C-alpha atoms as a PDB file:
ATOM      1  CA  ALA A   1    -113.534 -98.992 158.078  1.00  0.00           C
ATOM      2  CA  GLY A   2    -110.124-100.297 157.477  1.00  0.00           C
ATOM      3  CA  ASP A   3    -108.682-103.729 158.506  1.00  0.00           C
ATOM      4  CA  ALA A   4    -110.148-105.052 162.156  1.00  0.00           C
ATOM      5  CA  SER A   5    -107.014-106.110 163.293  1.00  0.00           C
ATOM      6  CA  SER A   6    -105.804-102.605 163.101  1.00  0.00           C
ATOM      7  CA  ASN A   7    -108.533-101.407 165.306  1.00  0.00           C
ATOM      8  CA  LYS A   8    -108.076-100.817 169.242  1.00  0.00           C
ATOM      9  CA  GLY A   9    -110.239-102.949 171.414  1.00  0.00           C
ATOM     10  CA  LEU A  10    -109.842-106.280 169.108  1.00  0.00           C
ATOM     11  CA  GLY A  11    -106.659-107.179 169.389  1.00  0.00           C
ATOM     12  CA  ALA A  12    -107.413-110.432 171.341  1.00  0.00           C
ATOM     13  CA  ILE A  13    -110.642-111.598 169.189  1.00  0.00           C
ATOM     14  CA  ASN A  14    -110.454-113.030 165.844  1.00  0.00           C
ATOM     15  CA  ASN A  15    -113.421-112.120 163.944  1.00  0.00           C
ATOM     16  CA  GLU A  16    -113.346-115.954 162.152  1.00  0.00           C
ATOM     17  CA  VAL A  17    -115.308-117.646 163.687  1.00  0.00           C
ATOM     18  CA  SER A  18    -115.576-121.592 162.980  1.00  0.00           C
ATOM     19  CA  VAL A  19    -118.693-123.692 163.259  1.00  0.00           C
ATOM     20  CA  PRO A  20    -118.068-127.421 164.053  1.00  0.00           C
ATOM     21  CA  GLY A  21    -119.234-130.023 161.478  1.00  0.00           C
ATOM     22  CA  ASN A  22    -122.307-131.218 163.015  1.00  0.00           C
ATOM     23  CA  SER A  23    -126.186-131.678 162.104  1.00  0.00           C
ATOM     24  CA  ASN A  24    -126.700-127.965 163.298  1.00  0.00           C
ATOM     25  CA  SER A  25    -123.992-126.897 161.042  1.00  0.00           C
ATOM     26  CA  ASN A  26    -124.476-125.409 157.318  1.00  0.00           C
ATOM     27  CA  ASN A  27    -121.854-125.374 154.446  1.00  0.00           C
ATOM     28  CA  ASP A  28    -120.808-121.537 154.632  1.00  0.00           C
ATOM     29  CA  GLN A  29    -120.926-121.460 150.758  1.00  0.00           C
ATOM     30  CA  HIS A  30    -124.580-122.368 150.745  1.00  0.00           C
ATOM     31  CA  VAL A  31    -125.711-120.570 153.706  1.00  0.00           C
ATOM     32  CA  LYS A  32    -129.391-119.229 152.436  1.00  0.00           C
ATOM     33  CA  TYR A  33    -130.574-117.425 155.664  1.00  0.00           C
ATOM     34  CA  GLN A  34    -128.448-114.944 157.891  1.00  0.00           C
ATOM     35  CA  LEU A  35    -130.478-113.397 160.516  1.00  0.00           C
ATOM     36  CA  VAL A  36    -128.530-110.692 162.200  1.00  0.00           C
ATOM     37  CA  PHE A  37    -128.847-107.766 164.982  1.00  0.00           C
ATOM     38  CA  SER A  38    -126.604-105.538 166.022  1.00  0.00           C
ATOM     39  CA  THR A  39    -125.535-104.565 169.874  1.00  0.00           C
ATOM     40  CA  ASP A  40    -123.174-103.216 171.913  1.00  0.00           C
ATOM     41  CA  CYS A  41    -121.269-104.868 174.455  1.00  0.00           C
ATOM     42  CA  GLY A  42    -123.019-103.670 177.654  1.00  0.00           C
ATOM     43  CA  ALA A  43    -125.081-106.126 180.038  1.00  0.00           C
ATOM     44  CA  TYR A  44    -128.326-104.949 178.938  1.00  0.00           C
ATOM     45  CA  GLN A  45    -127.876-105.874 175.253  1.00  0.00           C
ATOM     46  CA  ARG A  46    -126.228-109.318 176.183  1.00  0.00           C
ATOM     47  CA  TRP A  47    -129.429-110.217 178.111  1.00  0.00           C
ATOM     48  CA  GLN A  48    -131.625-109.103 174.599  1.00  0.00           C
ATOM     49  CA  SER A  49    -129.340-111.210 172.760  1.00  0.00           C
ATOM     50  CA  TYR A  50    -129.617-114.088 174.899  1.00  0.00           C
ATOM     51  CA  LEU A  51    -133.546-113.555 174.193  1.00  0.00           C
ATOM     52  CA  VAL A  52    -132.926-113.590 170.612  1.00  0.00           C
ATOM     53  CA  PHE A  53    -131.115-116.610 170.597  1.00  0.00           C
ATOM     54  CA  TYR A  54    -133.351-118.430 172.641  1.00  0.00           C
ATOM     55  CA  SER A  55    -136.064-117.511 170.578  1.00  0.00           C
ATOM     56  CA  ALA A  56    -134.343-118.474 167.429  1.00  0.00           C
ATOM     57  CA  MET A  57    -133.880-121.830 168.958  1.00  0.00           C
ATOM     58  CA  MET A  58    -137.388-122.327 169.940  1.00  0.00           C
ATOM     59  CA  VAL A  59    -138.564-121.522 166.451  1.00  0.00           C
ATOM     60  CA  ASN A  60    -136.125-123.620 164.652  1.00  0.00           C
ATOM     61  CA  GLN A  61    -134.827-120.324 162.693  1.00  0.00           C
ATOM     62  CA  PRO A  62    -132.937-121.821 159.730  1.00  0.00           C
ATOM     63  CA  GLY A  63    -129.339-120.626 158.922  1.00  0.00           C
ATOM     64  CA  TYR A  64    -127.057-118.536 161.205  1.00  0.00           C
ATOM     65  CA  VAL A  65    -128.000-115.973 163.690  1.00  0.00           C
ATOM     66  CA  THR A  66    -125.361-113.567 164.502  1.00  0.00           C
ATOM     67  CA  ARG A  67    -125.039-110.868 167.186  1.00  0.00           C
ATOM     68  CA  ILE A  68    -122.824-107.967 165.975  1.00  0.00           C
ATOM     69  CA  ALA A  69    -121.271-106.456 168.719  1.00  0.00           C
ATOM     70  CA  SER A  70    -119.428-103.150 168.029  1.00  0.00           C
ATOM     71  CA  GLY A  71    -116.929-100.939 170.036  1.00  0.00           C
ATOM     72  CA  CYS A  72    -115.757-103.432 172.579  1.00  0.00           C
ATOM     73  CA  THR A  73    -112.656-102.967 174.686  1.00  0.00           C
ATOM     74  CA  ASP A  74    -110.213-105.849 174.453  1.00  0.00           C
ATOM     75  CA  GLU A  75    -111.494-106.959 177.806  1.00  0.00           C
ATOM     76  CA  GLU A  76    -115.011-106.656 177.118  1.00  0.00           C
ATOM     77  CA  ALA A  77    -114.324-108.415 173.431  1.00  0.00           C
ATOM     78  CA  ALA A  78    -112.931-111.553 175.578  1.00  0.00           C
ATOM     79  CA  GLU A  79    -115.467-111.652 178.187  1.00  0.00           C
ATOM     80  CA  GLU A  80    -118.437-111.259 175.442  1.00  0.00           C
ATOM     81  CA  GLN A  81    -116.643-114.189 173.456  1.00  0.00           C
ATOM     82  CA  ARG A  82    -116.457-116.365 176.682  1.00  0.00           C
ATOM     83  CA  TRP A  83    -119.832-115.893 177.482  1.00  0.00           C
ATOM     84  CA  HIS A  84    -121.182-116.233 174.288  1.00  0.00           C
ATOM     85  CA  ASP A  85    -119.166-119.444 173.711  1.00  0.00           C
ATOM     86  CA  GLU A  86    -120.212-121.147 177.120  1.00  0.00           C
ATOM     87  CA  HIS A  87    -124.034-119.869 177.288  1.00  0.00           C
ATOM     88  CA  ILE A  88    -125.173-119.878 173.824  1.00  0.00           C
ATOM     89  CA  LYS A  89    -123.047-121.650 171.190  1.00  0.00           C
ATOM     90  CA  SER A  90    -122.357-124.794 173.454  1.00  0.00           C
ATOM     91  CA  LYS A  91    -126.026-124.715 175.017  1.00  0.00           C
ATOM     92  CA  MET A  92    -128.114-123.443 171.934  1.00  0.00           C
ATOM     93  CA  SER A  93    -126.673-124.090 168.777  1.00  0.00           C
ATOM     94  CA  ASP A  94    -123.150-123.656 166.891  1.00  0.00           C
ATOM     95  CA  ARG A  95    -124.969-121.642 164.117  1.00  0.00           C
ATOM     96  CA  PHE A  96    -125.410-118.795 166.556  1.00  0.00           C
ATOM     97  CA  LEU A  97    -122.578-116.619 166.426  1.00  0.00           C
ATOM     98  CA  LEU A  98    -121.069-113.316 167.684  1.00  0.00           C
ATOM     99  CA  HIS A  99    -119.171-110.770 165.513  1.00  0.00           C
ATOM    100  CA  LEU A 100    -116.992-108.378 166.827  1.00  0.00           C
ATOM    101  CA  THR A 101    -116.432-105.156 165.258  1.00  0.00           C
ATOM    102  CA  PRO A 102    -114.596-101.974 166.064  1.00  0.00           C
ATOM    103  CA  HIS A 103    -116.275 -98.830 167.396  1.00  0.00           C
ATOM    104  CA  PHE A 104    -118.039 -96.936 164.549  1.00  0.00           C
ATOM    105  CA  SER A 105    -119.418 -94.082 166.334  1.00  0.00           C
ATOM    106  CA  LYS A 106    -116.697 -91.430 166.321  1.00  0.00           C
ATOM    107  CA  VAL A 107    -117.696 -88.757 163.922  1.00  0.00           C
ATOM    108  CA  LYS A 108    -115.222 -87.328 161.113  1.00  0.00           C
ATOM    109  CA  ASP A 109    -115.164 -84.129 159.194  1.00  0.00           C
ATOM    110  CA  GLU A 110    -114.899 -84.045 155.471  1.00  0.00           C
ATOM    111  CA  ASN A 111    -110.946 -84.492 155.868  1.00  0.00           C
ATOM    112  CA  GLY A 112    -111.369 -87.727 157.689  1.00  0.00           C
ATOM    113  CA  ASN A 113    -110.273 -86.130 161.053  1.00  0.00           C
ATOM    114  CA  GLU A 114    -112.305 -87.143 164.326  1.00  0.00           C
ATOM    115  CA  THR A 115    -114.276 -84.122 165.389  1.00  0.00           C
ATOM    116  CA  GLY A 116    -114.448 -85.466 169.222  1.00  0.00           C
ATOM    117  CA  LYS A 117    -118.191 -86.022 168.763  1.00  0.00           C
ATOM    118  CA  LYS A 118    -119.794 -89.191 168.877  1.00  0.00           C
ATOM    119  CA  TYR A 119    -122.789 -90.860 167.006  1.00  0.00           C
ATOM    120  CA  ASP A 120    -123.799 -94.309 168.646  1.00  0.00           C
ATOM    121  CA  PHE A 121    -126.254 -95.056 166.023  1.00  0.00           C
ATOM    122  CA  PHE A 122    -123.406 -95.465 163.625  1.00  0.00           C
ATOM    123  CA  ASN A 123    -122.456 -98.711 164.872  1.00  0.00           C
ATOM    124  CA  LYS A 124    -125.485-100.300 163.162  1.00  0.00           C
ATOM    125  CA  PRO A 125    -124.875 -99.452 159.424  1.00  0.00           C
ATOM    126  CA  PHE A 126    -120.998 -99.753 159.692  1.00  0.00           C
ATOM    127  CA  GLY A 127    -121.241-103.089 161.958  1.00  0.00           C
ATOM    128  CA  MET A 128    -123.684-104.431 159.517  1.00  0.00           C
ATOM    129  CA  LYS A 129    -121.481-103.750 156.879  1.00  0.00           C
ATOM    130  CA  HIS A 130    -118.263-105.090 158.691  1.00  0.00           C
ATOM    131  CA  TRP A 131    -120.069-108.177 159.273  1.00  0.00           C
ATOM    132  CA  MET A 132    -120.823-108.440 155.452  1.00  0.00           C
ATOM    133  CA  GLU A 133    -117.443-108.170 154.656  1.00  0.00           C
ATOM    134  CA  HIS A 134    -116.165-110.405 157.051  1.00  0.00           C
ATOM    135  CA  GLY A 135    -118.829-112.434 158.786  1.00  0.00           C
ATOM    136  CA  GLN A 136    -119.077-116.453 158.983  1.00  0.00           C
ATOM    137  CA  GLY A 137    -120.646-117.454 155.577  1.00  0.00           C
ATOM    138  CA  MET A 138    -120.492-113.739 154.146  1.00  0.00           C
ATOM    139  CA  GLY A 139    -117.521-111.801 152.661  1.00  0.00           C
ATOM    140  CA  VAL A 140    -115.887-110.387 149.516  1.00  0.00           C
ATOM    141  CA  ASP A 141    -113.155-111.520 147.098  1.00  0.00           C
ATOM    142  CA  GLU A 142    -110.136-109.554 146.303  1.00  0.00           C
ATOM    143  CA  ASN A 143    -112.106-107.763 143.744  1.00  0.00           C
ATOM    144  CA  GLY A 144    -114.970-106.678 146.125  1.00  0.00           C
ATOM    145  CA  ARG A 145    -117.438-109.130 144.666  1.00  0.00           C
ATOM    146  CA  ILE A 146    -119.902-110.751 147.352  1.00  0.00           C
ATOM    147  CA  LEU A 147    -118.793-114.379 148.118  1.00  0.00           C
ATOM    148  CA  ASN A 148    -122.517-115.600 148.639  1.00  0.00           C
ATOM    149  CA  GLU A 149    -124.884-113.536 146.377  1.00  0.00           C
ATOM    150  CA  ASP A 150    -127.959-115.406 147.234  1.00  0.00           C
ATOM    151  CA  ALA A 151    -127.546-115.230 151.019  1.00  0.00           C
ATOM    152  CA  ILE A 152    -130.843-113.801 152.696  1.00  0.00           C
ATOM    153  CA  CYS A 153    -130.035-111.393 155.245  1.00  0.00           C
ATOM    154  CA  ILE A 154    -132.582-111.005 157.789  1.00  0.00           C
ATOM    155  CA  LEU A 155    -131.851-107.628 160.267  1.00  0.00           C
ATOM    156  CA  ILE A 156    -133.862-107.493 163.345  1.00  0.00           C
ATOM    157  CA  ASP A 157    -133.226-105.114 166.568  1.00  0.00           C
ATOM    158  CA  PRO A 158    -132.104-106.960 169.739  1.00  0.00           C
ATOM    159  CA  ASP A 159    -135.268-106.386 171.641  1.00  0.00           C
ATOM    160  CA  GLN A 160    -137.352-108.312 169.126  1.00  0.00           C
ATOM    161  CA  ILE A 161    -137.883-112.167 169.407  1.00  0.00           C
ATOM    162  CA  LEU A 162    -139.393-114.575 166.949  1.00  0.00           C
ATOM    163  CA  LEU A 163    -142.289-115.981 167.033  1.00  0.00           C
ATOM    164  CA  ARG A 164    -141.938-118.341 164.173  1.00  0.00           C
ATOM    165  CA  PRO A 165    -138.950-118.764 161.591  1.00  0.00           C
ATOM    166  CA  LEU A 166    -138.483-116.158 159.376  1.00  0.00           C
ATOM    167  CA  THR A 167    -137.658-117.039 155.772  1.00  0.00           C
ATOM    168  CA  GLU A 168    -138.212-115.907 152.083  1.00  0.00           C
ATOM    169  CA  ASP A 169    -141.921-117.001 151.783  1.00  0.00           C
ATOM    170  CA  PHE A 170    -144.250-114.753 152.787  1.00  0.00           C
ATOM    171  CA  SER A 171    -147.348-116.285 150.937  1.00  0.00           C
ATOM    172  CA  ASP A 172    -149.127-117.927 153.490  1.00  0.00           C
ATOM    173  CA  PRO A 173    -152.344-115.626 153.866  1.00  0.00           C
ATOM    174  CA  ASN A 174    -152.302-116.344 157.853  1.00  0.00           C
ATOM    175  CA  HIS A 175    -148.896-114.445 158.094  1.00  0.00           C
ATOM    176  CA  VAL A 176    -149.266-111.474 155.672  1.00  0.00           C
ATOM    177  CA  PHE A 177    -148.824-108.403 157.240  1.00  0.00           C
ATOM    178  CA  ARG A 178    -149.817-105.997 154.478  1.00  0.00           C
ATOM    179  CA  ALA A 179    -152.730-107.001 151.967  1.00  0.00           C
ATOM    180  CA  ASP A 180    -151.197-104.991 148.833  1.00  0.00           C
ATOM    181  CA  MET A 181    -147.664-106.720 148.933  1.00  0.00           C
ATOM    182  CA  GLY A 182    -146.824-107.409 145.422  1.00  0.00           C
ATOM    183  CA  ASN A 183    -143.917-109.940 145.732  1.00  0.00           C
ATOM    184  CA  ARG A 184    -144.531-112.122 148.318  1.00  0.00           C
ATOM    185  CA  ALA A 185    -140.987-114.388 148.112  1.00  0.00           C
ATOM    186  CA  VAL A 186    -137.376-113.012 148.374  1.00  0.00           C
ATOM    187  CA  LYS A 187    -135.425-114.288 145.435  1.00  0.00           C
ATOM    188  CA  HIS A 188    -131.828-113.111 143.891  1.00  0.00           C
ATOM    189  CA  GLY A 189    -132.726-109.287 142.375  1.00  0.00           C
ATOM    190  CA  HIS A 190    -135.902-109.349 144.388  1.00  0.00           C
ATOM    191  CA  PRO A 191    -135.683-108.128 147.811  1.00  0.00           C
END
């Protein structure tokens, strides 16, 4: 993936997002929940993102909720950040974040050379990896160790909405979606 600052399309945007210290904020070192979803920079997925953020606000989803937007041009990235700050962060919650990543859909051969082919679905796993390495409340140290090993990352799609908060506890019999589920709580070492 490389350094985000060296990728075309991210020159105008700094991937570090500061979260003001108010009642909606969490201490980055102790963020327990990270709900994330992956999009592109198109208008349709902006609309879907708005609904994800709105549903998270309505159910009081704990932790951070982050839209990972991959492959924006400099102009698109600036517009997405402006729109997010104006319509999401300032109106809904400062825990609702935008993380911009490079475009990961170019297919490379075994020597690392671009083939000229495109596979848009690479943006989701590699965008997630980029966010895990550089995102708010996430990251790795200089030795590659995860800074927040106890964070619970919840990956959803942008066409999903929340009907209740997603947490680590699935023990409520009213919310069991599979009867043979053994472990009903997410904890360190037991996803």
